[in-house]
C-alpha atoms as a PDB file:
ATOM      1  CA  MET A   1       0.195  -0.013  -0.173  1.00  0.00           C
ATOM      2  CA  LYS A   2       1.264   3.475  -0.747  1.00  0.00           C
ATOM      3  CA  PRO A   3       2.166   5.456   2.530  1.00  0.00           C
ATOM      4  CA  ALA A   4      -0.097   8.449   3.119  1.00  0.00           C
ATOM      5  CA  GLY A   5       1.030  11.665   2.366  1.00  0.00           C
ATOM      6  CA  VAL A   6       1.871  15.352   4.265  1.00  0.00           C
ATOM      7  CA  ILE A   7       2.711  18.547   2.725  1.00  0.00           C
ATOM      8  CA  LEU A   8       4.494  20.488   5.527  1.00  0.00           C
ATOM      9  CA  ALA A   9       3.907  23.755   5.579  1.00  0.00           C
ATOM     10  CA  GLY A  10       3.693  24.840   9.047  1.00  0.00           C
ATOM     11  CA  GLY A  11       6.763  27.213   9.586  1.00  0.00           C
ATOM     12  CA  LEU A  12       6.798  30.815   9.820  1.00  0.00           C
ATOM     13  CA  ALA A  13       8.232  32.059   6.360  1.00  0.00           C
ATOM     14  CA  ARG A  14      10.741  34.253   8.199  1.00  0.00           C
ATOM     15  CA  ARG A  15      13.563  34.402   5.415  1.00  0.00           C
ATOM     16  CA  MET A  16      10.099  35.284   3.242  1.00  0.00           C
ATOM     17  CA  GLY A  17       9.557  37.884   4.703  1.00  0.00           C
ATOM     18  CA  GLY A  18       6.323  35.987   6.051  1.00  0.00           C
ATOM     19  CA  GLY A  19       3.196  34.639   4.203  1.00  0.00           C
ATOM     20  CA  ASP A  20       2.892  31.066   2.677  1.00  0.00           C
ATOM     21  CA  LYS A  21       6.261  30.364   0.825  1.00  0.00           C
ATOM     22  CA  PRO A  22       3.669  27.516  -1.198  1.00  0.00           C
ATOM     23  CA  LEU A  23       1.333  30.091  -2.672  1.00  0.00           C
ATOM     24  CA  LYS A  24       4.566  32.140  -4.339  1.00  0.00           C
ATOM     25  CA  THR A  25       4.217  31.105  -8.263  1.00  0.00           C
ATOM     26  CA  VAL A  26       6.905  29.784 -10.292  1.00  0.00           C
ATOM     27  CA  ALA A  27       6.515  29.722 -14.112  1.00  0.00           C
ATOM     28  CA  GLY A  28       2.708  31.045 -13.052  1.00  0.00           C
ATOM     29  CA  ARG A  29       1.666  28.265 -11.104  1.00  0.00           C
ATOM     30  CA  ALA A  30       1.847  28.252  -7.335  1.00  0.00           C
ATOM     31  CA  ILE A  31       4.459  26.062  -5.964  1.00  0.00           C
ATOM     32  CA  ILE A  32       1.572  24.170  -4.147  1.00  0.00           C
ATOM     33  CA  ASP A  33      -0.242  23.197  -6.638  1.00  0.00           C
ATOM     34  CA  ARG A  34       3.336  22.118  -8.278  1.00  0.00           C
ATOM     35  CA  VAL A  35       4.127  20.160  -4.843  1.00  0.00           C
ATOM     36  CA  ILE A  36       0.378  18.291  -5.011  1.00  0.00           C
ATOM     37  CA  ASP A  37       0.644  17.408  -8.865  1.00  0.00           C
ATOM     38  CA  CYS A  38       3.854  15.488  -7.396  1.00  0.00           C
ATOM     39  CA  ALA A  39       2.977  14.231  -4.307  1.00  0.00           C
ATOM     40  CA  ALA A  40      -0.958  12.898  -4.908  1.00  0.00           C
ATOM     41  CA  PRO A  41      -0.181  10.214  -7.328  1.00  0.00           C
ATOM     42  CA  GLN A  42       2.573   8.986  -4.916  1.00  0.00           C
ATOM     43  CA  THR A  43       0.523   8.713  -1.809  1.00  0.00           C
ATOM     44  CA  CYS A  44      -2.871   6.815  -0.756  1.00  0.00           C
ATOM     45  CA  ALA A  45      -4.227  10.253   0.553  1.00  0.00           C
ATOM     46  CA  LEU A  46      -2.654  13.751   1.041  1.00  0.00           C
ATOM     47  CA  ALA A  47      -2.946  16.456   3.681  1.00  0.00           C
ATOM     48  CA  LEU A  48      -1.559  19.641   4.624  1.00  0.00           C
ATOM     49  CA  ASN A  49       0.360  20.431   7.441  1.00  0.00           C
ATOM     50  CA  ALA A  50      -0.328  24.130   7.906  1.00  0.00           C
ATOM     51  CA  ASN A  51      -1.034  26.510  11.130  1.00  0.00           C
ATOM     52  CA  GLY A  52      -3.208  29.675  11.379  1.00  0.00           C
ATOM     53  CA  ASP A  53      -6.639  29.775   9.198  1.00  0.00           C
ATOM     54  CA  PRO A  54      -7.320  26.771   7.377  1.00  0.00           C
ATOM     55  CA  ALA A  55      -9.198  29.020   4.883  1.00  0.00           C
ATOM     56  CA  ARG A  56      -6.592  30.359   2.876  1.00  0.00           C
ATOM     57  CA  PHE A  57      -6.000  26.828   1.563  1.00  0.00           C
ATOM     58  CA  ALA A  58      -9.471  25.876   0.811  1.00  0.00           C
ATOM     59  CA  PRO A  59      -9.112  26.155  -2.984  1.00  0.00           C
ATOM     60  CA  TRP A  60      -7.078  22.679  -2.725  1.00  0.00           C
ATOM     61  CA  GLY A  61      -9.621  20.871  -1.208  1.00  0.00           C
ATOM     62  CA  LEU A  62      -7.024  19.085   0.832  1.00  0.00           C
ATOM     63  CA  PRO A  63      -7.509  18.314   4.648  1.00  0.00           C
ATOM     64  CA  VAL A  64      -5.670  20.678   6.808  1.00  0.00           C
ATOM     65  CA  VAL A  65      -3.822  19.615   9.813  1.00  0.00           C
ATOM     66  CA  GLY A  66      -2.467  22.012  12.237  1.00  0.00           C
ATOM     67  CA  ASP A  67       0.354  21.010  14.631  1.00  0.00           C
ATOM     68  CA  THR A  68      -0.802  19.420  18.114  1.00  0.00           C
ATOM     69  CA  VAL A  69       2.318  20.795  19.713  1.00  0.00           C
ATOM     70  CA  GLU A  70       2.073  24.302  20.448  1.00  0.00           C
ATOM     71  CA  GLY A  71       4.617  27.152  19.956  1.00  0.00           C
ATOM     72  CA  PHE A  72       5.919  26.329  16.396  1.00  0.00           C
ATOM     73  CA  ALA A  73       7.799  23.300  17.225  1.00  0.00           C
ATOM     74  CA  GLY A  74       9.520  22.840  13.709  1.00  0.00           C
ATOM     75  CA  PRO A  75       9.511  20.359  10.887  1.00  0.00           C
ATOM     76  CA  LEU A  76       9.047  17.150  13.751  1.00  0.00           C
ATOM     77  CA  ALA A  77       5.616  18.697  14.466  1.00  0.00           C
ATOM     78  CA  GLY A  78       4.183  18.775  11.172  1.00  0.00           C
ATOM     79  CA  VAL A  79       5.480  15.051  10.855  1.00  0.00           C
ATOM     80  CA  LEU A  80       3.758  14.474  14.228  1.00  0.00           C
ATOM     81  CA  ALA A  81       0.452  16.112  12.892  1.00  0.00           C
ATOM     82  CA  GLY A  82       0.952  14.076   9.480  1.00  0.00           C
ATOM     83  CA  MET A  83       1.010  10.639  11.517  1.00  0.00           C
ATOM     84  CA  ASP A  84      -1.682  11.215  13.781  1.00  0.00           C
ATOM     85  CA  TRP A  85      -4.005  11.989  10.887  1.00  0.00           C
ATOM     86  CA  ALA A  86      -2.597   9.230   8.521  1.00  0.00           C
ATOM     87  CA  ALA A  87      -3.798   6.858  11.796  1.00  0.00           C
ATOM     88  CA  ARG A  88      -7.206   8.246  11.140  1.00  0.00           C
ATOM     89  CA  ALA A  89      -7.685   8.760   7.439  1.00  0.00           C
ATOM     90  CA  CYS A  90      -5.495   5.848   6.286  1.00  0.00           C
ATOM     91  CA  PRO A  91      -5.123   3.368   9.056  1.00  0.00           C
ATOM     92  CA  ASP A  92      -3.860   0.581   6.757  1.00  0.00           C
ATOM     93  CA  ALA A  93      -1.039   2.836   5.507  1.00  0.00           C
ATOM     94  CA  GLY A  94       2.401   1.704   7.581  1.00  0.00           C
ATOM     95  CA  PHE A  95       4.271   4.824   6.293  1.00  0.00           C
ATOM     96  CA  ILE A  96       3.579   8.624   5.882  1.00  0.00           C
ATOM     97  CA  LEU A  97       5.452  10.264   3.074  1.00  0.00           C
ATOM     98  CA  SER A  98       6.744  14.022   4.276  1.00  0.00           C
ATOM     99  CA  VAL A  99       7.498  16.543   1.660  1.00  0.00           C
ATOM    100  CA  ALA A 100       7.986  20.375   2.253  1.00  0.00           C
ATOM    101  CA  ALA A 101       5.618  22.813   0.254  1.00  0.00           C
ATOM    102  CA  ASP A 102       8.373  24.938  -0.998  1.00  0.00           C
ATOM    103  CA  CYS A 103      10.078  22.497  -3.498  1.00  0.00           C
ATOM    104  CA  PRO A 104       9.082  23.268  -6.972  1.00  0.00           C
ATOM    105  CA  PHE A 105      10.808  20.329  -8.621  1.00  0.00           C
ATOM    106  CA  LEU A 106      10.088  17.057  -6.729  1.00  0.00           C
ATOM    107  CA  PRO A 107      10.811  13.821  -8.347  1.00  0.00           C
ATOM    108  CA  LYS A 108       8.011  11.715  -9.783  1.00  0.00           C
ATOM    109  CA  ASP A 109       9.827   8.566  -8.723  1.00  0.00           C
ATOM    110  CA  LEU A 110      10.151   9.713  -5.014  1.00  0.00           C
ATOM    111  CA  GLU A 111       8.082   7.352  -3.142  1.00  0.00           C
ATOM    112  CA  SER A 112       9.443   4.169  -5.458  1.00  0.00           C
ATOM    113  CA  ARG A 113      12.953   4.767  -4.305  1.00  0.00           C
ATOM    114  CA  LEU A 114      12.245   5.718  -1.159  1.00  0.00           C
ATOM    115  CA  GLU A 115       9.773   2.417  -0.702  1.00  0.00           C
ATOM    116  CA  ALA A 116      12.762   0.291  -2.228  1.00  0.00           C
ATOM    117  CA  ALA A 117      15.016   1.234  -0.136  1.00  0.00           C
ATOM    118  CA  ARG A 118      13.046   0.821   2.975  1.00  0.00           C
ATOM    119  CA  GLU A 119      12.282  -2.465   2.254  1.00  0.00           C
ATOM    120  CA  LYS A 120      15.723  -3.752   1.691  1.00  0.00           C
ATOM    121  CA  ALA A 121      17.043  -2.728   4.840  1.00  0.00           C
ATOM    122  CA  ASP A 122      13.676  -2.641   6.886  1.00  0.00           C
ATOM    123  CA  ALA A 123      14.335   1.108   7.634  1.00  0.00           C
ATOM    124  CA  ASP A 124      12.150   2.705  10.441  1.00  0.00           C
ATOM    125  CA  ILE A 125      12.798   6.523   8.038  1.00  0.00           C
ATOM    126  CA  VAL A 126      14.314   6.878   4.676  1.00  0.00           C
ATOM    127  CA  VAL A 127      15.285  10.370   3.784  1.00  0.00           C
ATOM    128  CA  ALA A 128      15.725  11.761   0.501  1.00  0.00           C
ATOM    129  CA  ALA A 129      19.303  13.561  -0.549  1.00  0.00           C
ATOM    130  CA  SER A 130      20.829  15.370  -3.146  1.00  0.00           C
ATOM    131  CA  GLY A 131      24.387  16.989  -3.950  1.00  0.00           C
ATOM    132  CA  GLY A 132      25.357  15.115  -0.910  1.00  0.00           C
ATOM    133  CA  GLN A 133      23.108  16.615   1.058  1.00  0.00           C
ATOM    134  CA  ALA A 134      20.324  15.088   3.390  1.00  0.00           C
ATOM    135  CA  HIS A 135      17.002  16.684   3.135  1.00  0.00           C
ATOM    136  CA  PRO A 136      15.425  15.051   6.303  1.00  0.00           C
ATOM    137  CA  VAL A 137      11.529  16.887   5.844  1.00  0.00           C
ATOM    138  CA  ILE A 138      11.781  15.061   2.923  1.00  0.00           C
ATOM    139  CA  ALA A 139      11.043  11.354   4.062  1.00  0.00           C
ATOM    140  CA  LEU A 140       9.547   8.285   4.676  1.00  0.00           C
ATOM    141  CA  TRP A 141       8.001   7.877   8.558  1.00  0.00           C
ATOM    142  CA  ARG A 142       7.064   4.749   9.804  1.00  0.00           C
ATOM    143  CA  VAL A 143       3.685   5.611  11.630  1.00  0.00           C
ATOM    144  CA  SER A 144       3.724   3.455  14.752  1.00  0.00           C
ATOM    145  CA  LEU A 145       6.673   5.925  15.806  1.00  0.00           C
ATOM    146  CA  ARG A 146       3.873   8.287  16.782  1.00  0.00           C
ATOM    147  CA  GLU A 147       3.888   8.102  20.227  1.00  0.00           C
ATOM    148  CA  ASP A 148       7.952   8.063  20.456  1.00  0.00           C
ATOM    149  CA  LEU A 149       7.917  11.200  18.585  1.00  0.00           C
ATOM    150  CA  ARG A 150       4.858  12.824  20.486  1.00  0.00           C
ATOM    151  CA  ARG A 151       6.821  11.969  23.694  1.00  0.00           C
ATOM    152  CA  ALA A 152      10.403  13.425  22.265  1.00  0.00           C
ATOM    153  CA  LEU A 153       8.249  16.912  21.902  1.00  0.00           C
ATOM    154  CA  THR A 154       6.576  16.984  24.391  1.00  0.00           C
ATOM    155  CA  VAL A 155       8.534  15.752  27.230  1.00  0.00           C
ATOM    156  CA  GLU A 156      11.958  16.031  25.915  1.00  0.00           C
ATOM    157  CA  ASN A 157      11.385  19.317  24.281  1.00  0.00           C
ATOM    158  CA  MET A 158      13.182  17.775  21.248  1.00  0.00           C
ATOM    159  CA  ARG A 159      13.388  19.922  18.370  1.00  0.00           C
ATOM    160  CA  LYS A 160      16.108  18.618  15.856  1.00  0.00           C
ATOM    161  CA  ILE A 161      15.580  16.408  13.316  1.00  0.00           C
ATOM    162  CA  ASP A 162      18.808  14.720  13.321  1.00  0.00           C
ATOM    163  CA  ARG A 163      18.789  13.758  17.308  1.00  0.00           C
ATOM    164  CA  TRP A 164      15.419  12.067  16.653  1.00  0.00           C
ATOM    165  CA  THR A 165      16.084   9.952  13.889  1.00  0.00           C
ATOM    166  CA  ALA A 166      19.227   8.768  15.397  1.00  0.00           C
ATOM    167  CA  ARG A 167      17.612   6.543  17.769  1.00  0.00           C
ATOM    168  CA  TYR A 168      16.122   4.760  14.662  1.00  0.00           C
ATOM    169  CA  LYS A 169      17.091   2.766  11.466  1.00  0.00           C
ATOM    170  CA  VAL A 170      17.141   5.365   9.210  1.00  0.00           C
ATOM    171  CA  VAL A 171      18.906   5.227   5.572  1.00  0.00           C
ATOM    172  CA  THR A 172      19.360   8.143   2.852  1.00  0.00           C
ATOM    173  CA  VAL A 173      18.505   7.858  -1.099  1.00  0.00           C
ATOM    174  CA  GLU A 174      20.656  10.364  -3.401  1.00  0.00           C
ATOM    175  CA  TRP A 175      19.195  12.182  -6.094  1.00  0.00           C
ATOM    176  CA  PRO A 176      21.266  13.891  -8.724  1.00  0.00           C
ATOM    177  CA  ALA A 177      21.173  17.689  -8.063  1.00  0.00           C
ATOM    178  CA  ASP A 178      22.185  18.597 -12.311  1.00  0.00           C
ATOM    179  CA  PRO A 179      20.890  20.179 -13.685  1.00  0.00           C
ATOM    180  CA  VAL A 180      18.169  21.043 -11.422  1.00  0.00           C
ATOM    181  CA  ASP A 181      17.941  19.842  -7.504  1.00  0.00           C
ATOM    182  CA  PRO A 182      14.797  18.169  -7.121  1.00  0.00           C
ATOM    183  CA  PHE A 183      14.499  19.342  -3.578  1.00  0.00           C
ATOM    184  CA  PHE A 184      15.605  22.857  -4.298  1.00  0.00           C
ATOM    185  CA  ASN A 185      13.329  24.831  -2.045  1.00  0.00           C
ATOM    186  CA  ALA A 186      12.154  28.238  -2.329  1.00  0.00           C
ATOM    187  CA  ASN A 187      13.120  30.048   1.090  1.00  0.00           C
ATOM    188  CA  THR A 188      13.369  33.577   0.625  1.00  0.00           C
ATOM    189  CA  PRO A 189      12.348  35.997  -2.284  1.00  0.00           C
ATOM    190  CA  GLU A 190      15.870  35.298  -4.220  1.00  0.00           C
ATOM    191  CA  ASP A 191      14.945  31.612  -4.035  1.00  0.00           C
ATOM    192  CA  VAL A 192      11.712  32.123  -5.962  1.00  0.00           C
ATOM    193  CA  GLU A 193      13.641  34.066  -8.802  1.00  0.00           C
ATOM    194  CA  LEU A 194      16.026  31.406  -8.963  1.00  0.00           C
ATOM    195  CA  ALA A 195      13.021  28.764  -9.128  1.00  0.00           C
ATOM    196  CA  GLU A 196      11.631  31.139 -12.446  1.00  0.00           C
ATOM    197  CA  ARG A 197      14.772  30.636 -14.377  1.00  0.00           C
ATOM    198  CA  LEU A 198      15.596  27.487 -13.539  1.00  0.00           C
ATOM    199  CA  ALA A 199      11.671  26.412 -14.667  1.00  0.00           C
ATOM    200  CA  ALA A 200      12.248  28.453 -17.547  1.00  0.00           C
ATOM    201  CA  GLY A 201      15.285  26.320 -18.467  1.00  0.00           C
ATOM    202  CA  GLY A 202      13.021  23.506 -18.485  1.00  0.00           C
END
């Protein structure tokens, strides 16, 4: 069974100057449209992790799940929200696939390659990488870890992804970063301008 999918859009977008990064446009399309087009076929169901008024994402028709841990606890809180949602919406899905909402060039073979590596290694977490750099918010996560993650966030006050994932069996899958890094993320206005140029180049 394909994993459930969660698009992580719960950050504060400080480097973008505020607002919602996934609503920025690249080549005439909102980044969130590009992310959904890629992630939806690779998952059994798809939700959006975002905080604040969910109505701003109503046009996309996705369930919007906010962090259940207060205080903008970072990406791990979004992963936990996705796990909690998946346990209700897709109880037969043993994993969730998380993707960042500000990545306009995600690969179409993301889930298949991560799943192949997970099955081969019997891993708990499988992380995407490119150009020698891991992207821990783009990963497969075993849903049965959610109570462990909840405790880490609420009792241990853990925020760093690598500290938590170090407790489990993690494997990494590498993608080429040339000619375009599939995990390029638009964090700043300058990144959006660069994404425009990359999209124009095909």
